[in-house]
Amino acid sequence: MPAAAYSTCLLFSLIECARISNINPEEYLSSIFELAADTSGWTDSNWSELLPWNIKLIKKSDVSTVLIA
C-alpha cells in the first residue's frame, strides 16, 4: 500500500506542476508517457528533463509534442 500512495502522490504532483506551468495536464502526461516508453539507458538527468518547467508542449495538428528546454 505505501508504494501505491507514493506513486499517486507523484502523479498528482506532476499534474499540479503542469497546471502551475500553464500546461494542459492531460496533454503533458500523454506526451511524457510516450517519451518515457523506452527508457533504457536513461539517467536521472533524462527524467528531470521531463518535468513541467523543463518542457514546452507544441501543438502539431491534433497531436501535442514535447520540446525539452
N, C-alpha and C. Protein backbone atom coordinates (compact mmCIF):
# COMPACT_ATOMS: atom_id res chain seq x y z
N MET A 1 0.79 -1.20 0.00
CA MET A 1 0.00 0.00 0.00
C MET A 1 0.85 1.28 0.00
N PRO A 2 1.96 1.36 0.76
CA PRO A 2 2.75 2.58 0.75
C PRO A 2 3.29 2.93 -0.64
N ALA A 3 3.63 1.92 -1.44
CA ALA A 3 4.14 2.18 -2.79
C ALA A 3 3.05 2.81 -3.66
N ALA A 4 1.82 2.36 -3.50
CA ALA A 4 0.71 2.94 -4.26
C ALA A 4 0.47 4.39 -3.85
N ALA A 5 0.56 4.67 -2.57
CA ALA A 5 0.38 6.04 -2.08
C ALA A 5 1.48 6.94 -2.62
N TYR A 6 2.72 6.46 -2.64
CA TYR A 6 3.85 7.22 -3.17
C TYR A 6 3.64 7.52 -4.66
N SER A 7 3.24 6.52 -5.43
CA SER A 7 3.01 6.69 -6.87
C SER A 7 1.90 7.68 -7.15
N THR A 8 0.83 7.59 -6.37
CA THR A 8 -0.30 8.51 -6.54
C THR A 8 0.12 9.94 -6.22
N CYS A 9 0.88 10.11 -5.16
CA CYS A 9 1.38 11.43 -4.78
C CYS A 9 2.25 12.02 -5.89
N LEU A 10 3.12 11.21 -6.45
CA LEU A 10 3.99 11.65 -7.53
C LEU A 10 3.18 12.08 -8.75
N LEU A 11 2.19 11.29 -9.11
CA LEU A 11 1.35 11.61 -10.26
C LEU A 11 0.57 12.91 -10.04
N PHE A 12 -0.03 13.06 -8.87
CA PHE A 12 -0.77 14.28 -8.57
C PHE A 12 0.16 15.49 -8.54
N SER A 13 1.37 15.32 -8.08
CA SER A 13 2.34 16.42 -8.07
C SER A 13 2.68 16.86 -9.49
N LEU A 14 2.86 15.90 -10.39
CA LEU A 14 3.12 16.24 -11.79
C LEU A 14 1.95 16.99 -12.42
N ILE A 15 0.74 16.55 -12.11
CA ILE A 15 -0.45 17.21 -12.65
C ILE A 15 -0.53 18.64 -12.16
N GLU A 16 -0.33 18.86 -10.87
CA GLU A 16 -0.42 20.22 -10.32
C GLU A 16 0.72 21.10 -10.81
N CYS A 17 1.91 20.55 -10.96
CA CYS A 17 3.03 21.33 -11.51
C CYS A 17 2.78 21.72 -12.96
N ALA A 18 2.16 20.84 -13.72
CA ALA A 18 1.80 21.17 -15.09
C ALA A 18 0.80 22.32 -15.11
N ARG A 19 -0.20 22.26 -14.25
CA ARG A 19 -1.19 23.34 -14.18
C ARG A 19 -0.54 24.66 -13.82
N ILE A 20 0.35 24.65 -12.84
CA ILE A 20 1.05 25.87 -12.42
C ILE A 20 1.88 26.43 -13.57
N SER A 21 2.42 25.54 -14.41
CA SER A 21 3.23 25.95 -15.56
C SER A 21 2.39 26.26 -16.79
N ASN A 22 1.08 26.35 -16.61
CA ASN A 22 0.14 26.63 -17.72
C ASN A 22 0.22 25.61 -18.84
N ILE A 23 0.37 24.35 -18.46
CA ILE A 23 0.41 23.24 -19.41
C ILE A 23 -0.81 22.38 -19.14
N ASN A 24 -1.49 21.97 -20.18
CA ASN A 24 -2.63 21.08 -20.04
C ASN A 24 -2.13 19.75 -19.47
N PRO A 25 -2.58 19.37 -18.26
CA PRO A 25 -2.07 18.16 -17.63
C PRO A 25 -2.27 16.88 -18.45
N GLU A 26 -3.41 16.77 -19.12
CA GLU A 26 -3.66 15.57 -19.92
C GLU A 26 -2.68 15.47 -21.09
N GLU A 27 -2.45 16.58 -21.77
CA GLU A 27 -1.50 16.57 -22.88
C GLU A 27 -0.08 16.34 -22.38
N TYR A 28 0.23 16.95 -21.24
CA TYR A 28 1.56 16.79 -20.65
C TYR A 28 1.83 15.32 -20.31
N LEU A 29 0.92 14.70 -19.57
CA LEU A 29 1.12 13.31 -19.17
C LEU A 29 1.18 12.38 -20.38
N SER A 30 0.30 12.61 -21.34
CA SER A 30 0.30 11.79 -22.55
C SER A 30 1.64 11.90 -23.26
N SER A 31 2.16 13.11 -23.36
CA SER A 31 3.43 13.32 -24.07
C SER A 31 4.61 12.70 -23.34
N ILE A 32 4.67 12.89 -22.01
CA ILE A 32 5.83 12.34 -21.31
C ILE A 32 5.76 10.82 -21.20
N PHE A 33 4.55 10.26 -21.12
CA PHE A 33 4.44 8.81 -21.09
C PHE A 33 4.90 8.22 -22.43
N GLU A 34 4.61 8.91 -23.51
CA GLU A 34 5.06 8.45 -24.82
C GLU A 34 6.59 8.52 -24.90
N LEU A 35 7.17 9.61 -24.42
CA LEU A 35 8.63 9.76 -24.43
C LEU A 35 9.31 8.73 -23.53
N ALA A 36 8.67 8.42 -22.42
CA ALA A 36 9.28 7.51 -21.44
C ALA A 36 9.01 6.04 -21.75
N ALA A 37 8.41 5.74 -22.87
CA ALA A 37 8.10 4.35 -23.21
C ALA A 37 9.36 3.51 -23.33
N ASP A 38 10.43 4.11 -23.84
CA ASP A 38 11.71 3.39 -23.95
C ASP A 38 12.74 4.15 -23.13
N THR A 39 12.97 3.69 -21.92
CA THR A 39 13.87 4.40 -21.01
C THR A 39 15.19 3.67 -20.78
N SER A 40 15.48 2.73 -21.62
CA SER A 40 16.74 2.00 -21.45
C SER A 40 17.91 2.98 -21.61
N GLY A 41 18.80 2.96 -20.66
CA GLY A 41 19.97 3.83 -20.71
C GLY A 41 19.73 5.23 -20.18
N TRP A 42 18.56 5.50 -19.63
CA TRP A 42 18.28 6.83 -19.11
C TRP A 42 18.99 7.05 -17.78
N THR A 43 19.36 8.30 -17.55
CA THR A 43 19.95 8.70 -16.27
C THR A 43 18.94 9.60 -15.53
N ASP A 44 19.30 9.99 -14.33
CA ASP A 44 18.42 10.89 -13.57
C ASP A 44 18.18 12.20 -14.31
N SER A 45 19.18 12.69 -15.03
CA SER A 45 19.00 13.96 -15.75
C SER A 45 17.99 13.82 -16.88
N ASN A 46 17.89 12.65 -17.50
CA ASN A 46 16.87 12.43 -18.52
C ASN A 46 15.48 12.57 -17.94
N TRP A 47 15.29 12.03 -16.74
CA TRP A 47 13.98 12.11 -16.10
C TRP A 47 13.66 13.55 -15.72
N SER A 48 14.64 14.28 -15.22
CA SER A 48 14.37 15.66 -14.80
C SER A 48 14.04 16.56 -15.99
N GLU A 49 14.50 16.19 -17.17
CA GLU A 49 14.16 16.97 -18.37
C GLU A 49 12.67 16.91 -18.69
N LEU A 50 11.97 15.91 -18.17
CA LEU A 50 10.54 15.76 -18.44
C LEU A 50 9.65 16.49 -17.44
N LEU A 51 10.23 17.16 -16.46
CA LEU A 51 9.43 17.92 -15.51
C LEU A 51 8.78 19.11 -16.21
N PRO A 52 7.62 19.52 -15.75
CA PRO A 52 6.85 20.55 -16.47
C PRO A 52 7.60 21.85 -16.74
N TRP A 53 8.46 22.27 -15.83
CA TRP A 53 9.17 23.53 -16.04
C TRP A 53 10.35 23.40 -16.99
N ASN A 54 10.66 22.19 -17.44
CA ASN A 54 11.75 21.96 -18.38
C ASN A 54 11.28 21.67 -19.80
N ILE A 55 9.98 21.65 -20.03
CA ILE A 55 9.50 21.31 -21.36
C ILE A 55 8.51 22.35 -21.86
N LYS A 56 8.24 22.27 -23.14
CA LYS A 56 7.21 23.10 -23.76
C LYS A 56 6.43 22.19 -24.70
N LEU A 57 5.10 22.19 -24.56
CA LEU A 57 4.27 21.40 -25.46
C LEU A 57 3.99 22.20 -26.71
N ILE A 58 4.20 21.60 -27.84
CA ILE A 58 3.94 22.22 -29.14
C ILE A 58 2.79 21.48 -29.78
N LYS A 59 1.77 22.20 -30.20
CA LYS A 59 0.60 21.58 -30.83
C LYS A 59 0.87 21.46 -32.34
N LYS A 60 0.87 20.24 -32.84
CA LYS A 60 1.01 19.98 -34.27
C LYS A 60 -0.25 19.25 -34.69
N SER A 61 -1.08 19.91 -35.44
CA SER A 61 -2.42 19.44 -35.79
C SER A 61 -3.15 19.03 -34.52
N ASP A 62 -3.49 17.77 -34.36
CA ASP A 62 -4.21 17.34 -33.16
C ASP A 62 -3.31 16.62 -32.16
N VAL A 63 -2.01 16.68 -32.39
CA VAL A 63 -1.06 15.95 -31.54
C VAL A 63 -0.15 16.94 -30.84
N SER A 64 0.06 16.74 -29.54
CA SER A 64 0.98 17.58 -28.79
C SER A 64 2.36 16.93 -28.81
N THR A 65 3.38 17.74 -28.99
CA THR A 65 4.76 17.28 -28.99
C THR A 65 5.51 18.01 -27.90
N VAL A 66 6.42 17.34 -27.26
CA VAL A 66 7.21 17.94 -26.19
C VAL A 66 8.53 18.44 -26.76
N LEU A 67 8.88 19.69 -26.41
CA LEU A 67 10.21 20.20 -26.67
C LEU A 67 10.89 20.30 -25.33
N ILE A 68 12.06 19.71 -25.20
CA ILE A 68 12.81 19.79 -23.95
C ILE A 68 13.67 21.02 -24.02
N ALA A 69 13.52 21.87 -23.01
CA ALA A 69 14.25 23.15 -22.97
C ALA A 69 15.72 22.97 -22.77
